[in-house]
Protein backbone atom coordinates (compact mmCIF):
# COMPACT_ATOMS: atom_id res chain seq x y z
CA MET A 1 68.55 -19.44 57.47
CA SER A 2 69.58 -18.17 54.07
CA LEU A 3 66.94 -16.46 51.71
CA GLN A 4 67.55 -17.65 47.68
CA ALA A 5 67.68 -14.59 45.86
CA THR A 6 65.64 -14.83 42.71
CA GLU A 7 65.92 -12.56 39.61
CA THR A 8 62.56 -11.07 38.13
CA THR A 9 62.37 -9.29 35.05
CA PRO A 10 60.59 -6.07 34.68
CA PRO A 11 57.44 -6.33 32.23
CA SER A 12 58.58 -4.82 29.05
CA SER A 13 55.56 -2.21 27.62
CA GLU A 14 56.48 -3.56 24.27
CA THR A 15 55.56 -7.11 25.26
CA PRO A 16 53.59 -8.48 21.91
CA ASP A 17 50.56 -9.90 23.90
CA GLU A 18 49.95 -6.41 24.77
CA THR A 19 50.92 -3.96 22.40
CA ASP A 20 49.30 -6.40 19.74
CA SER A 21 45.87 -6.94 21.83
CA PRO A 22 44.18 -4.07 21.26
CA ARG A 23 44.63 -4.32 17.33
CA ARG A 24 44.09 -7.78 16.67
CA PRO A 25 40.14 -7.05 16.42
CA GLN A 26 40.90 -4.34 14.07
CA ARG A 27 43.74 -6.74 11.85
CA ARG A 28 40.71 -9.08 12.22
CA ARG A 29 37.77 -7.02 10.78
CA ARG A 30 40.18 -5.61 8.26
CA ARG A 31 40.72 -9.15 7.03
CA GLU A 32 37.25 -10.44 7.29
CA ARG A 33 36.12 -7.10 5.15
CA LEU A 34 38.92 -8.14 2.34
CA GLN A 35 38.11 -11.73 1.99
CA ARG A 36 34.14 -10.25 1.67
CA ILE A 37 35.34 -7.96 -1.02
CA ARG A 38 37.61 -10.68 -2.89
CA THR A 39 34.51 -13.17 -2.97
CA THR A 40 31.90 -10.59 -3.66
CA ALA A 41 34.92 -9.81 -7.04
CA VAL A 42 35.14 -13.07 -8.15
CA SER A 43 31.41 -14.32 -7.92
CA LEU A 44 30.81 -11.18 -9.83
CA VAL A 45 33.25 -12.28 -12.75
CA VAL A 46 31.94 -16.09 -12.40
CA LEU A 47 28.54 -14.46 -12.97
CA VAL A 48 29.51 -12.16 -16.02
CA LEU A 49 31.36 -15.26 -17.54
CA LEU A 50 28.96 -17.34 -17.29
CA TRP A 51 26.28 -14.99 -18.76
CA TRP A 52 28.62 -14.37 -21.44
CA LEU A 53 28.93 -17.74 -21.79
CA VAL A 54 24.97 -18.54 -22.47
CA THR A 55 24.96 -15.85 -24.64
CA ALA A 56 27.88 -16.44 -26.94
CA VAL A 57 26.25 -20.26 -27.61
CA GLY A 58 22.81 -18.80 -28.06
CA LEU A 59 21.70 -20.95 -25.43
CA VAL A 60 19.13 -17.71 -25.14
CA GLN A 61 17.48 -15.16 -27.90
CA PRO A 62 18.87 -11.82 -27.04
CA LEU A 63 15.60 -10.53 -27.22
CA PHE A 64 15.21 -12.36 -23.63
CA LEU A 65 18.72 -12.26 -22.35
CA PRO A 66 21.29 -9.90 -24.55
CA SER A 67 24.86 -10.10 -23.94
CA PRO A 68 27.18 -8.30 -21.32
CA GLY A 69 28.69 -6.20 -24.01
CA ALA A 70 24.77 -5.33 -25.42
CA VAL A 71 23.78 -4.09 -22.06
CA TRP A 72 27.10 -2.21 -21.63
CA SER A 73 26.61 -0.25 -25.19
CA ALA A 74 23.17 0.75 -24.26
CA PHE A 75 24.32 1.93 -20.79
CA VAL A 76 27.17 3.77 -22.31
CA GLN A 77 24.69 5.10 -25.33
CA ALA A 78 22.15 6.52 -22.71
CA SER A 79 24.53 8.39 -20.97
CA SER A 80 26.30 10.14 -23.87
CA CYS A 81 25.41 11.86 -27.52
CA ARG A 82 25.19 10.21 -30.39
CA PRO A 83 24.76 11.64 -33.97
CA VAL A 84 21.43 10.65 -35.78
CA ASP A 85 22.21 11.03 -38.99
CA ASP A 86 25.35 10.65 -41.35
CA ASP A 87 26.70 14.59 -41.83
CA ALA A 88 26.11 14.50 -37.74
CA THR A 89 24.24 18.00 -38.03
CA ARG A 90 21.57 16.27 -35.72
CA TRP A 91 22.42 14.65 -32.21
CA ALA A 92 20.56 12.62 -29.53
CA CYS A 93 21.62 12.42 -26.30
CA GLY A 94 20.88 9.83 -23.74
CA GLU A 95 17.48 8.32 -23.77
CA GLN A 96 13.88 9.59 -23.88
CA GLY A 97 15.56 13.28 -23.76
CA TYR A 98 17.52 12.37 -20.83
CA PHE A 99 21.20 11.23 -20.08
CA LEU A 100 20.45 7.67 -17.56
CA TRP A 101 22.48 9.74 -14.85
CA GLU A 102 19.25 12.13 -15.26
CA HIS A 103 17.18 9.73 -15.06
CA LEU A 104 18.80 8.49 -12.00
CA ALA A 105 18.99 11.67 -10.40
CA HIS A 106 15.04 12.43 -10.35
CA SER A 107 14.23 8.67 -8.97
CA LEU A 108 16.59 9.77 -6.30
CA ARG A 109 15.25 13.05 -5.44
CA ARG A 110 11.53 11.71 -5.27
CA ILE A 111 13.38 8.69 -3.07
CA ALA A 112 14.59 11.10 -1.09
CA ILE A 113 11.50 13.31 -0.48
CA GLY A 114 9.50 10.67 0.13
CA VAL A 115 11.76 9.16 2.26
CA GLY A 116 12.51 12.13 4.23
CA VAL A 117 9.23 13.19 5.06
CA GLY A 118 8.41 9.52 6.07
CA ALA A 119 11.11 9.21 8.38
CA VAL A 120 10.17 12.95 10.10
CA VAL A 121 6.84 11.44 10.26
CA GLY A 122 7.58 7.59 11.09
CA VAL A 123 10.03 8.59 13.72
CA ALA A 124 7.79 11.49 15.84
CA LEU A 125 4.54 8.75 15.75
CA GLY A 126 6.54 5.97 16.62
CA VAL A 127 8.24 7.82 19.61
CA VAL A 128 4.27 8.49 20.82
CA LEU A 129 3.18 4.74 20.35
CA GLY A 130 5.79 3.76 22.26
CA ALA A 131 5.54 5.96 24.98
CA PHE A 132 1.79 6.40 25.24
CA ARG A 133 -0.07 3.02 25.67
CA PRO A 134 -3.63 4.32 25.05
CA VAL A 135 -2.96 5.96 21.75
CA ARG A 136 -0.59 2.99 20.72
CA GLU A 137 -3.85 0.51 21.09
CA ILE A 138 -5.93 2.85 19.02
CA VAL A 139 -3.01 3.47 16.16
CA GLU A 140 -1.14 0.12 16.12
CA PRO A 141 -3.67 -1.61 14.22
CA PHE A 142 -4.16 1.09 11.56
CA LEU A 143 -0.37 1.38 11.10
CA HIS A 144 0.36 -2.13 10.48
CA PHE A 145 -2.62 -2.27 8.17
CA LEU A 146 -1.10 0.19 6.07
CA ARG A 147 2.32 -1.46 6.42
CA ALA A 148 0.61 -4.50 4.62
CA LEU A 149 -0.63 -2.70 1.94
CA PRO A 150 1.21 -3.43 -1.69
CA PRO A 151 2.08 -0.13 -2.81
CA LEU A 152 0.32 -0.90 -6.33
CA GLY A 153 -3.16 -1.59 -4.40
CA TYR A 154 -3.07 2.00 -4.17
CA ILE A 155 -0.97 3.65 -6.75
CA GLY A 156 -4.46 4.60 -9.05
CA LEU A 157 -6.27 6.25 -5.90
CA LEU A 158 -3.05 8.31 -5.55
CA ILE A 159 -3.25 9.17 -9.26
CA VAL A 160 -7.08 10.14 -8.98
CA TRP A 161 -6.70 12.26 -6.12
CA PHE A 162 -2.78 13.83 -7.00
CA GLY A 163 -2.77 13.64 -10.65
CA ILE A 164 0.00 11.74 -12.40
CA GLY A 165 2.33 14.15 -11.96
CA ASP A 166 5.36 14.42 -9.09
CA THR A 167 3.01 14.54 -6.00
CA SER A 168 1.24 11.22 -6.07
CA LYS A 169 4.83 9.47 -6.72
CA ILE A 170 6.07 10.96 -3.97
CA TRP A 171 3.03 10.43 -2.08
CA LEU A 172 3.22 6.65 -2.91
CA LEU A 173 7.04 6.41 -1.92
CA PHE A 174 6.35 8.15 1.39
CA LEU A 175 3.14 5.92 2.08
CA ALA A 176 6.05 2.94 1.48
CA ALA A 177 8.57 4.31 3.74
CA PHE A 178 6.62 5.93 6.50
CA PRO A 179 4.87 2.32 8.54
CA PRO A 180 8.46 1.13 8.77
CA ILE A 181 9.93 3.33 10.37
CA ALA A 182 7.21 3.94 12.95
CA VAL A 183 6.92 0.55 13.89
CA ALA A 184 10.46 0.31 14.06
CA THR A 185 10.83 3.40 16.33
CA MET A 186 8.17 2.37 18.61
CA GLN A 187 9.32 -1.20 19.49
CA GLY A 188 12.93 0.72 19.87
CA VAL A 189 11.24 2.90 22.07
CA GLN A 190 9.34 0.12 23.94
CA GLY A 191 12.55 -1.62 24.71
CA VAL A 192 14.52 0.71 26.36
CA GLN A 193 15.66 -0.45 29.62
CA VAL A 194 13.60 0.59 32.75
CA ALA A 195 16.87 1.00 34.57
CA ARG A 196 18.01 3.75 32.37
CA VAL A 197 14.58 5.97 32.86
CA ASN A 198 14.50 5.29 36.42
CA ALA A 199 18.37 5.86 36.98
CA ALA A 200 17.41 9.19 34.86
CA ARG A 201 14.45 10.30 36.62
CA SER A 202 15.94 9.69 40.13
CA LEU A 203 18.47 12.12 39.19
CA GLY A 204 15.33 14.85 38.93
CA ALA A 205 15.02 14.59 35.15
CA THR A 206 11.75 15.50 33.51
CA ARG A 207 9.73 13.75 31.30
CA TRP A 208 11.16 15.86 28.04
CA GLN A 209 14.62 15.19 29.40
CA VAL A 210 14.49 11.27 30.06
CA MET A 211 12.72 11.34 26.25
CA ARG A 212 15.68 13.21 24.98
CA HIS A 213 18.56 12.29 26.66
CA VAL A 214 17.82 8.46 27.29
CA THR A 215 14.64 6.78 25.47
CA ILE A 216 15.24 8.58 22.17
CA PRO A 217 19.40 7.58 21.67
CA SER A 218 18.35 4.26 23.06
CA ALA A 219 15.50 3.58 20.42
CA LEU A 220 18.44 5.36 17.53
CA PRO A 221 19.74 1.87 16.72
CA GLU A 222 16.68 0.97 15.43
CA VAL A 223 15.32 4.16 14.39
CA ILE A 224 18.27 3.36 11.70
CA GLY A 225 17.59 0.36 10.65
CA GLY A 226 13.98 1.18 10.14
CA ILE A 227 15.09 4.30 7.97
CA ARG A 228 17.06 1.38 5.90
CA ILE A 229 14.47 -1.21 5.77
CA ALA A 230 11.93 1.87 4.27
CA THR A 231 14.61 2.60 1.95
CA GLY A 232 15.25 -0.49 0.59
CA PHE A 233 11.22 -0.96 0.19
CA THR A 234 10.96 1.89 -1.98
CA TRP A 235 13.66 1.48 -4.11
CA THR A 236 11.41 -1.57 -5.18
CA THR A 237 8.39 0.59 -5.53
CA VAL A 238 10.68 3.21 -7.40
CA VAL A 239 9.12 1.30 -10.87
CA ALA A 240 5.22 1.19 -9.40
CA ALA A 241 5.73 5.02 -8.56
CA GLU A 242 7.28 5.89 -12.17
CA LEU A 243 4.60 3.44 -14.49
CA ASN A 244 2.73 6.59 -15.21
CA ASN A 245 4.01 9.89 -16.20
CA GLY A 246 7.73 8.23 -14.94
CA ILE A 247 10.26 9.85 -17.40
CA PRO A 248 12.69 11.28 -16.55
CA GLY A 249 13.21 8.56 -13.88
CA ILE A 250 15.12 5.08 -13.61
CA GLY A 251 12.03 3.27 -13.01
CA GLY A 252 10.05 4.89 -15.46
CA LEU A 253 13.22 4.37 -18.45
CA ALA A 254 12.93 0.57 -17.50
CA TYR A 255 9.12 0.61 -17.72
CA VAL A 256 9.57 1.99 -21.09
CA SER A 257 12.15 0.48 -22.17
CA GLY A 258 10.69 -2.64 -21.68
CA THR A 259 7.57 -2.12 -23.26
CA GLN A 260 9.53 -1.10 -26.86
CA LEU A 261 11.56 -4.68 -26.01
CA GLN A 262 14.89 -2.86 -25.56
CA THR A 263 16.10 -5.44 -23.16
CA PRO A 264 19.91 -4.48 -23.20
CA LEU A 265 18.69 -0.82 -21.71
CA THR A 266 15.98 -2.45 -19.35
CA ILE A 267 18.93 -4.40 -17.54
CA ALA A 268 21.44 -1.41 -17.76
CA CYS A 269 18.60 0.24 -16.12
CA ILE A 270 18.04 -2.56 -13.49
CA ILE A 271 21.87 -3.06 -12.67
CA VAL A 272 21.82 0.82 -12.17
CA ILE A 273 18.68 0.37 -9.94
CA GLY A 274 20.36 -2.60 -7.93
CA LEU A 275 23.71 -0.81 -7.53
CA ALA A 276 21.69 2.62 -6.20
CA ALA A 277 19.97 0.26 -4.01
CA VAL A 278 23.15 -0.97 -2.40
CA GLY A 279 24.85 2.33 -2.17
CA LEU A 280 22.38 3.70 -0.48
CA ASP A 281 21.75 0.98 2.59
CA ALA A 282 25.58 1.16 2.61
CA LEU A 283 25.33 4.97 3.21
CA ILE A 284 22.93 4.74 6.15
CA ALA A 285 24.71 1.77 7.29
CA ALA A 286 27.81 3.94 7.81
CA VAL A 287 25.44 7.31 9.09
CA GLY A 288 24.26 4.13 11.99
CA ARG A 289 28.27 3.45 12.96
CA VAL A 290 28.68 6.90 13.46
CA ALA A 291 25.81 8.09 14.68
CA THR A 292 25.53 4.83 17.51
CA PRO A 293 29.39 3.88 18.21
CA TRP A 294 28.08 1.82 21.09
CA GLN A 295 26.14 -0.32 19.08
CA GLY A 296 27.08 -3.87 19.06
CA ARG A 297 29.93 -3.14 22.08
CA ALA A 298 29.73 -4.99 25.08
């Protein structure tokens, strides 16, 4: 009886399937990201072309819809200095005495304080509400009531209490940011898997250790999601917060320019507000990916 020898080729360490498989998801995500960027760029170009075409043929009066060139000129004027007389002895800088970036910086400062304090208070309250049912049953109805109130509903009361300065504006932004962060944190704490908590307790962890090492890290994705929602909501509230004595402020500049029928400047402010909101959202999302690298993975 003879044995037939068969040649076996040792597996190569450079097999395409083995070397490429870890990189395939990264390449796929890179292609998808580039495709989204191309799609967004093309859509923006088409939108600007349609905007220019509508204004060029005179379908809409410039008072209601100025041309892209007029909006760009208003943006440049609000961001630079210009002479106010023929011999250039007097100069005017920006709009309402401030450059456009200064208006934006003041609004960002107000939002940073409002959202920052709202995050601290909201996360702390959300953890308490999620961990202690009796407290949740008492406080949760009032929290949802506050979240349902539109900011314009109590801005007048805040002005009576705190005046027309920055204090009332920051309070308004805080009240806009605090409820969604608290609700998101509470839901995140409630959604922690019981098996994780029991495993930590079986290893001898105290209640504080379970809260610190299990509950809060597990609820962190929901907390960051709540902060993203709150930040977006405060941006929609910034114009309302700066209706009274909102200069300097990008929302106040948008409101004042609108009342003065400076439509190009108003649209320029709206575009800046939108771009800043998109940038802030992308920043918070990036921080969330760094803080919760396990999110979205099996």
